[in-house]
Amino acid sequence: MISYRADREIDLGALAALRSACDFAAKPRDFLEQQIVGARWVVHAYAGDRLVGFARAISDGITNAYVSSVMVAPDMRRRGIGRALIERLLAGRPHIRFVLHTRPDAAAFYAAVGFSPAISMLVRERLSSI
């Protein structure tokens, strides 16, 4: 059984391990902590005590939100965890426009949970990395 939480009480070591398993770049603890602190909404999923999913959204809380860092442990995919994470981020916020960047191989998933391509978006890439 999968349980979900919508708080900021996340073991940063477990989050780092999940990031690694999901091919996200390794980041120091203070970076991960700031990602959580800076997010408006955070949702995480557990199989027992094991962190198996994570997602966050950055927002002003009234008009727009940016979904980021969505990840599900590879051995737990295709069980509805990703869908549940996104549903929990969006729940009760129909007035907010949610946007995201995605890897090409995840685009079909986001389309299946209600996102559509946007041609009116511009991006300024990072000038450096942390």
N, C-alpha and C. Protein backbone atom coordinates (compact mmCIF):
# COMPACT_ATOMS: atom_id res chain seq x y z
N MET A 1 0.84 -1.18 0.00
CA MET A 1 0.00 0.00 0.00
C MET A 1 0.89 1.25 0.00
N ILE A 2 0.50 2.23 -0.79
CA ILE A 2 1.24 3.48 -0.89
C ILE A 2 0.53 4.54 -0.05
N SER A 3 1.31 5.26 0.75
CA SER A 3 0.75 6.37 1.52
C SER A 3 1.37 7.67 0.99
N TYR A 4 0.63 8.76 1.15
CA TYR A 4 1.06 10.06 0.63
C TYR A 4 1.06 11.08 1.75
N ARG A 5 2.01 11.99 1.65
CA ARG A 5 2.09 13.10 2.61
C ARG A 5 2.27 14.40 1.83
N ALA A 6 1.73 15.46 2.39
CA ALA A 6 1.85 16.77 1.76
C ALA A 6 2.45 17.75 2.76
N ASP A 7 3.64 17.41 3.23
CA ASP A 7 4.34 18.27 4.18
C ASP A 7 5.80 18.38 3.76
N ARG A 8 6.57 19.09 4.53
CA ARG A 8 7.98 19.29 4.21
C ARG A 8 8.90 18.41 5.05
N GLU A 9 8.35 17.45 5.75
CA GLU A 9 9.14 16.54 6.60
C GLU A 9 9.64 15.38 5.75
N ILE A 10 10.73 15.61 5.07
CA ILE A 10 11.30 14.62 4.15
C ILE A 10 12.74 14.35 4.55
N ASP A 11 13.10 13.08 4.61
CA ASP A 11 14.49 12.70 4.86
C ASP A 11 15.30 13.07 3.62
N LEU A 12 16.22 14.00 3.76
CA LEU A 12 16.99 14.48 2.62
C LEU A 12 17.89 13.40 2.03
N GLY A 13 18.37 12.48 2.86
CA GLY A 13 19.15 11.35 2.35
C GLY A 13 18.30 10.46 1.46
N ALA A 14 17.06 10.20 1.88
CA ALA A 14 16.15 9.39 1.07
C ALA A 14 15.79 10.11 -0.23
N LEU A 15 15.62 11.42 -0.15
CA LEU A 15 15.32 12.19 -1.36
C LEU A 15 16.51 12.15 -2.32
N ALA A 16 17.71 12.28 -1.80
CA ALA A 16 18.91 12.20 -2.64
C ALA A 16 19.00 10.83 -3.32
N ALA A 17 18.68 9.77 -2.58
CA ALA A 17 18.72 8.42 -3.15
C ALA A 17 17.65 8.26 -4.24
N LEU A 18 16.45 8.81 -4.00
CA LEU A 18 15.40 8.74 -5.00
C LEU A 18 15.81 9.51 -6.25
N ARG A 19 16.37 10.71 -6.08
CA ARG A 19 16.86 11.50 -7.22
C ARG A 19 17.86 10.68 -8.04
N SER A 20 18.79 10.03 -7.36
CA SER A 20 19.80 9.24 -8.05
C SER A 20 19.16 8.08 -8.83
N ALA A 21 18.23 7.38 -8.20
CA ALA A 21 17.56 6.26 -8.85
C ALA A 21 16.76 6.70 -10.07
N CYS A 22 16.31 7.96 -10.06
CA CYS A 22 15.51 8.50 -11.16
C CYS A 22 16.34 9.30 -12.17
N ASP A 23 17.66 9.18 -12.09
CA ASP A 23 18.58 9.85 -13.00
C ASP A 23 18.51 11.38 -12.93
N PHE A 24 18.19 11.92 -11.76
CA PHE A 24 18.30 13.36 -11.54
C PHE A 24 19.73 13.63 -11.08
N ALA A 25 20.23 14.79 -11.37
CA ALA A 25 21.60 15.15 -10.98
C ALA A 25 21.75 15.14 -9.46
N ALA A 26 22.89 14.67 -9.00
CA ALA A 26 23.19 14.69 -7.58
C ALA A 26 23.34 16.14 -7.11
N LYS A 27 22.76 16.42 -5.96
CA LYS A 27 22.82 17.77 -5.39
C LYS A 27 23.14 17.66 -3.90
N PRO A 28 23.79 18.67 -3.34
CA PRO A 28 24.08 18.65 -1.90
C PRO A 28 22.81 18.81 -1.06
N ARG A 29 22.91 18.42 0.19
CA ARG A 29 21.76 18.48 1.12
C ARG A 29 21.15 19.87 1.19
N ASP A 30 21.98 20.92 1.25
CA ASP A 30 21.43 22.26 1.38
C ASP A 30 20.64 22.67 0.14
N PHE A 31 21.02 22.17 -1.02
CA PHE A 31 20.28 22.40 -2.25
C PHE A 31 18.90 21.75 -2.16
N LEU A 32 18.86 20.48 -1.76
CA LEU A 32 17.58 19.76 -1.64
C LEU A 32 16.69 20.42 -0.60
N GLU A 33 17.28 20.83 0.51
CA GLU A 33 16.50 21.49 1.55
C GLU A 33 15.89 22.79 1.03
N GLN A 34 16.65 23.55 0.26
CA GLN A 34 16.13 24.81 -0.28
C GLN A 34 15.04 24.57 -1.32
N GLN A 35 15.13 23.49 -2.09
CA GLN A 35 14.06 23.15 -3.03
C GLN A 35 12.75 22.92 -2.28
N ILE A 36 12.83 22.25 -1.17
CA ILE A 36 11.62 21.97 -0.38
C ILE A 36 11.11 23.24 0.28
N VAL A 37 11.98 24.00 0.89
CA VAL A 37 11.58 25.24 1.56
C VAL A 37 10.96 26.21 0.56
N GLY A 38 11.52 26.29 -0.65
CA GLY A 38 11.05 27.23 -1.66
C GLY A 38 9.80 26.80 -2.40
N ALA A 39 9.36 25.59 -2.21
CA ALA A 39 8.16 25.11 -2.89
C ALA A 39 6.90 25.56 -2.15
N ARG A 40 5.87 25.84 -2.90
CA ARG A 40 4.57 26.18 -2.30
C ARG A 40 3.89 24.90 -1.80
N TRP A 41 3.96 23.86 -2.63
CA TRP A 41 3.34 22.58 -2.28
C TRP A 41 4.33 21.45 -2.53
N VAL A 42 4.35 20.49 -1.63
CA VAL A 42 5.22 19.32 -1.72
C VAL A 42 4.37 18.09 -1.44
N VAL A 43 4.56 17.06 -2.24
CA VAL A 43 3.86 15.79 -2.02
C VAL A 43 4.89 14.68 -2.13
N HIS A 44 4.83 13.71 -1.21
CA HIS A 44 5.74 12.59 -1.29
C HIS A 44 4.99 11.30 -1.00
N ALA A 45 5.49 10.21 -1.60
CA ALA A 45 4.83 8.91 -1.51
C ALA A 45 5.75 7.89 -0.87
N TYR A 46 5.14 6.99 -0.09
CA TYR A 46 5.90 5.97 0.64
C TYR A 46 5.30 4.58 0.46
N ALA A 47 6.19 3.60 0.31
CA ALA A 47 5.83 2.19 0.40
C ALA A 47 6.42 1.75 1.72
N GLY A 48 5.58 1.66 2.73
CA GLY A 48 6.09 1.45 4.08
C GLY A 48 6.84 2.70 4.51
N ASP A 49 8.09 2.54 4.91
CA ASP A 49 8.93 3.68 5.30
C ASP A 49 9.79 4.20 4.15
N ARG A 50 9.73 3.54 3.01
CA ARG A 50 10.59 3.90 1.87
C ARG A 50 9.97 5.01 1.02
N LEU A 51 10.74 6.08 0.80
CA LEU A 51 10.32 7.15 -0.10
C LEU A 51 10.36 6.63 -1.52
N VAL A 52 9.20 6.61 -2.20
CA VAL A 52 9.14 6.08 -3.57
C VAL A 52 8.65 7.11 -4.57
N GLY A 53 8.22 8.28 -4.10
CA GLY A 53 7.77 9.30 -5.03
C GLY A 53 7.85 10.68 -4.42
N PHE A 54 8.03 11.66 -5.28
CA PHE A 54 8.16 13.04 -4.82
C PHE A 54 7.74 13.98 -5.94
N ALA A 55 7.09 15.08 -5.58
CA ALA A 55 6.77 16.14 -6.53
C ALA A 55 6.60 17.43 -5.75
N ARG A 56 6.85 18.54 -6.43
CA ARG A 56 6.68 19.83 -5.78
C ARG A 56 6.19 20.83 -6.81
N ALA A 57 5.62 21.92 -6.32
CA ALA A 57 5.19 23.01 -7.19
C ALA A 57 5.58 24.33 -6.56
N ILE A 58 6.06 25.23 -7.38
CA ILE A 58 6.41 26.58 -6.98
C ILE A 58 5.28 27.47 -7.48
N SER A 59 4.77 28.37 -6.63
CA SER A 59 3.60 29.14 -7.03
C SER A 59 3.43 30.40 -6.19
N ASP A 60 2.67 31.35 -6.75
CA ASP A 60 2.22 32.50 -5.97
C ASP A 60 0.94 32.14 -5.22
N GLY A 61 0.38 30.96 -5.53
CA GLY A 61 -0.81 30.47 -4.84
C GLY A 61 -2.12 30.99 -5.38
N ILE A 62 -2.09 31.83 -6.40
CA ILE A 62 -3.32 32.42 -6.89
C ILE A 62 -3.51 32.34 -8.41
N THR A 63 -2.41 32.41 -9.19
CA THR A 63 -2.59 32.40 -10.64
C THR A 63 -1.82 31.30 -11.35
N ASN A 64 -0.56 31.14 -11.04
CA ASN A 64 0.31 30.21 -11.78
C ASN A 64 1.12 29.34 -10.83
N ALA A 65 1.50 28.18 -11.33
CA ALA A 65 2.37 27.29 -10.57
C ALA A 65 3.25 26.52 -11.55
N TYR A 66 4.43 26.22 -11.10
CA TYR A 66 5.39 25.45 -11.87
C TYR A 66 5.63 24.12 -11.17
N VAL A 67 5.31 23.03 -11.84
CA VAL A 67 5.51 21.69 -11.29
C VAL A 67 6.95 21.28 -11.57
N SER A 68 7.61 20.75 -10.55
CA SER A 68 9.02 20.42 -10.70
C SER A 68 9.38 19.18 -9.89
N SER A 69 10.48 18.58 -10.27
CA SER A 69 11.07 17.47 -9.51
C SER A 69 10.11 16.31 -9.29
N VAL A 70 9.34 15.97 -10.30
CA VAL A 70 8.43 14.82 -10.18
C VAL A 70 9.25 13.56 -10.43
N MET A 71 9.19 12.65 -9.45
CA MET A 71 9.96 11.42 -9.60
C MET A 71 9.28 10.26 -8.87
N VAL A 72 9.39 9.08 -9.47
CA VAL A 72 8.89 7.84 -8.88
C VAL A 72 10.00 6.81 -9.03
N ALA A 73 10.28 6.09 -7.97
CA ALA A 73 11.32 5.06 -8.01
C ALA A 73 11.08 4.12 -9.19
N PRO A 74 12.12 3.80 -9.95
CA PRO A 74 11.93 2.96 -11.15
C PRO A 74 11.18 1.65 -10.90
N ASP A 75 11.43 1.00 -9.78
CA ASP A 75 10.75 -0.28 -9.52
C ASP A 75 9.30 -0.10 -9.06
N MET A 76 8.86 1.15 -8.89
CA MET A 76 7.49 1.41 -8.43
C MET A 76 6.65 2.11 -9.50
N ARG A 77 7.17 2.26 -10.68
CA ARG A 77 6.45 2.95 -11.76
C ARG A 77 5.33 2.08 -12.31
N ARG A 78 4.40 2.75 -12.97
CA ARG A 78 3.23 2.11 -13.61
C ARG A 78 2.27 1.53 -12.57
N ARG A 79 2.23 2.17 -11.41
CA ARG A 79 1.31 1.76 -10.34
C ARG A 79 0.39 2.91 -9.93
N GLY A 80 0.44 4.01 -10.67
CA GLY A 80 -0.42 5.15 -10.36
C GLY A 80 0.16 6.15 -9.38
N ILE A 81 1.41 5.95 -8.98
CA ILE A 81 2.02 6.85 -7.99
C ILE A 81 2.25 8.23 -8.59
N GLY A 82 2.79 8.30 -9.78
CA GLY A 82 3.02 9.59 -10.43
C GLY A 82 1.72 10.35 -10.63
N ARG A 83 0.70 9.65 -11.09
CA ARG A 83 -0.62 10.27 -11.28
C ARG A 83 -1.15 10.80 -9.95
N ALA A 84 -1.01 10.02 -8.89
CA ALA A 84 -1.49 10.44 -7.57
C ALA A 84 -0.72 11.66 -7.07
N LEU A 85 0.58 11.71 -7.31
CA LEU A 85 1.37 12.87 -6.90
C LEU A 85 0.86 14.13 -7.60
N ILE A 86 0.67 14.04 -8.92
CA ILE A 86 0.19 15.20 -9.68
C ILE A 86 -1.22 15.58 -9.23
N GLU A 87 -2.10 14.60 -9.07
CA GLU A 87 -3.47 14.90 -8.62
C GLU A 87 -3.46 15.63 -7.29
N ARG A 88 -2.60 15.22 -6.38
CA ARG A 88 -2.53 15.88 -5.07
C ARG A 88 -1.97 17.30 -5.17
N LEU A 89 -1.03 17.53 -6.08
CA LEU A 89 -0.52 18.89 -6.26
C LEU A 89 -1.60 19.82 -6.82
N LEU A 90 -2.42 19.31 -7.73
CA LEU A 90 -3.43 20.13 -8.40
C LEU A 90 -4.74 20.22 -7.63
N ALA A 91 -4.99 19.31 -6.72
CA ALA A 91 -6.28 19.21 -6.03
C ALA A 91 -6.67 20.52 -5.34
N GLY A 92 -7.90 20.95 -5.57
CA GLY A 92 -8.43 22.14 -4.92
C GLY A 92 -7.87 23.44 -5.46
N ARG A 93 -7.22 23.37 -6.62
CA ARG A 93 -6.60 24.57 -7.20
C ARG A 93 -6.99 24.74 -8.67
N PRO A 94 -8.28 24.67 -8.99
CA PRO A 94 -8.69 24.76 -10.40
C PRO A 94 -8.43 26.13 -11.03
N HIS A 95 -8.23 27.14 -10.22
CA HIS A 95 -8.01 28.50 -10.71
C HIS A 95 -6.54 28.76 -11.07
N ILE A 96 -5.67 27.81 -10.81
CA ILE A 96 -4.24 28.00 -11.06
C ILE A 96 -3.84 27.29 -12.35
N ARG A 97 -3.06 28.00 -13.18
CA ARG A 97 -2.49 27.39 -14.39
C ARG A 97 -1.18 26.74 -13.99
N PHE A 98 -1.09 25.43 -14.15
CA PHE A 98 0.12 24.70 -13.84
C PHE A 98 0.92 24.47 -15.12
N VAL A 99 2.20 24.70 -15.05
CA VAL A 99 3.10 24.48 -16.18
C VAL A 99 4.27 23.62 -15.72
N LEU A 100 4.99 23.05 -16.66
CA LEU A 100 6.15 22.24 -16.32
C LEU A 100 7.04 22.06 -17.54
N HIS A 101 8.26 21.68 -17.27
CA HIS A 101 9.19 21.19 -18.29
C HIS A 101 9.24 19.68 -18.12
N THR A 102 9.46 18.97 -19.22
CA THR A 102 9.53 17.51 -19.10
C THR A 102 10.59 16.94 -20.02
N ARG A 103 11.07 15.80 -19.63
CA ARG A 103 11.93 15.02 -20.51
C ARG A 103 11.03 14.47 -21.62
N PRO A 104 11.55 14.34 -22.83
CA PRO A 104 10.72 13.82 -23.92
C PRO A 104 10.07 12.47 -23.61
N ASP A 105 10.78 11.60 -22.88
CA ASP A 105 10.23 10.28 -22.59
C ASP A 105 9.11 10.31 -21.55
N ALA A 106 8.88 11.45 -20.90
CA ALA A 106 7.80 11.56 -19.92
C ALA A 106 6.62 12.37 -20.44
N ALA A 107 6.70 12.90 -21.64
CA ALA A 107 5.64 13.75 -22.18
C ALA A 107 4.29 13.02 -22.25
N ALA A 108 4.28 11.76 -22.63
CA ALA A 108 3.02 11.01 -22.72
C ALA A 108 2.36 10.89 -21.35
N PHE A 109 3.15 10.71 -20.30
CA PHE A 109 2.60 10.65 -18.96
C PHE A 109 1.89 11.95 -18.62
N TYR A 110 2.55 13.08 -18.85
CA TYR A 110 1.94 14.37 -18.50
C TYR A 110 0.70 14.65 -19.34
N ALA A 111 0.71 14.23 -20.59
CA ALA A 111 -0.50 14.37 -21.41
C ALA A 111 -1.64 13.54 -20.82
N ALA A 112 -1.33 12.35 -20.32
CA ALA A 112 -2.34 11.47 -19.73
C ALA A 112 -2.94 12.03 -18.44
N VAL A 113 -2.21 12.92 -17.76
CA VAL A 113 -2.73 13.50 -16.52
C VAL A 113 -3.24 14.93 -16.73
N GLY A 114 -3.44 15.31 -18.00
CA GLY A 114 -4.13 16.57 -18.30
C GLY A 114 -3.30 17.74 -18.79
N PHE A 115 -2.00 17.57 -18.96
CA PHE A 115 -1.18 18.65 -19.49
C PHE A 115 -1.17 18.59 -21.01
N SER A 116 -1.01 19.74 -21.64
CA SER A 116 -0.93 19.78 -23.09
C SER A 116 0.23 20.67 -23.52
N PRO A 117 0.76 20.43 -24.71
CA PRO A 117 1.88 21.26 -25.18
C PRO A 117 1.47 22.73 -25.26
N ALA A 118 2.42 23.61 -24.99
CA ALA A 118 2.16 25.05 -25.07
C ALA A 118 3.16 25.67 -26.04
N ILE A 119 2.66 26.37 -27.01
CA ILE A 119 3.56 27.01 -27.97
C ILE A 119 3.89 28.44 -27.55
N SER A 120 3.23 28.91 -26.51
CA SER A 120 3.42 30.30 -26.09
C SER A 120 4.42 30.45 -24.96
N MET A 121 5.33 29.52 -24.86
CA MET A 121 6.27 29.52 -23.74
C MET A 121 7.68 29.80 -24.23
N LEU A 122 8.38 30.60 -23.47
CA LEU A 122 9.80 30.86 -23.74
C LEU A 122 10.60 30.42 -22.53
N VAL A 123 11.85 30.07 -22.77
CA VAL A 123 12.71 29.59 -21.70
C VAL A 123 14.03 30.32 -21.74
N ARG A 124 14.51 30.73 -20.61
CA ARG A 124 15.89 31.23 -20.47
C ARG A 124 16.64 30.16 -19.73
N GLU A 125 17.56 29.53 -20.39
CA GLU A 125 18.31 28.43 -19.78
C GLU A 125 19.22 28.93 -18.67
N ARG A 126 19.59 28.04 -17.77
CA ARG A 126 20.51 28.37 -16.68
C ARG A 126 21.84 28.82 -17.25
N LEU A 127 22.45 29.79 -16.62
CA LEU A 127 23.76 30.25 -17.04
C LEU A 127 24.86 29.52 -16.30
N SER A 128 24.49 28.90 -15.18
CA SER A 128 25.45 28.08 -14.44
C SER A 128 24.67 27.05 -13.64
N SER A 129 25.39 26.09 -13.10
CA SER A 129 24.73 25.07 -12.28
C SER A 129 25.32 25.09 -10.88
N ILE A 130 24.54 24.55 -9.96
CA ILE A 130 24.99 24.48 -8.56
C ILE A 130 25.58 23.12 -8.32
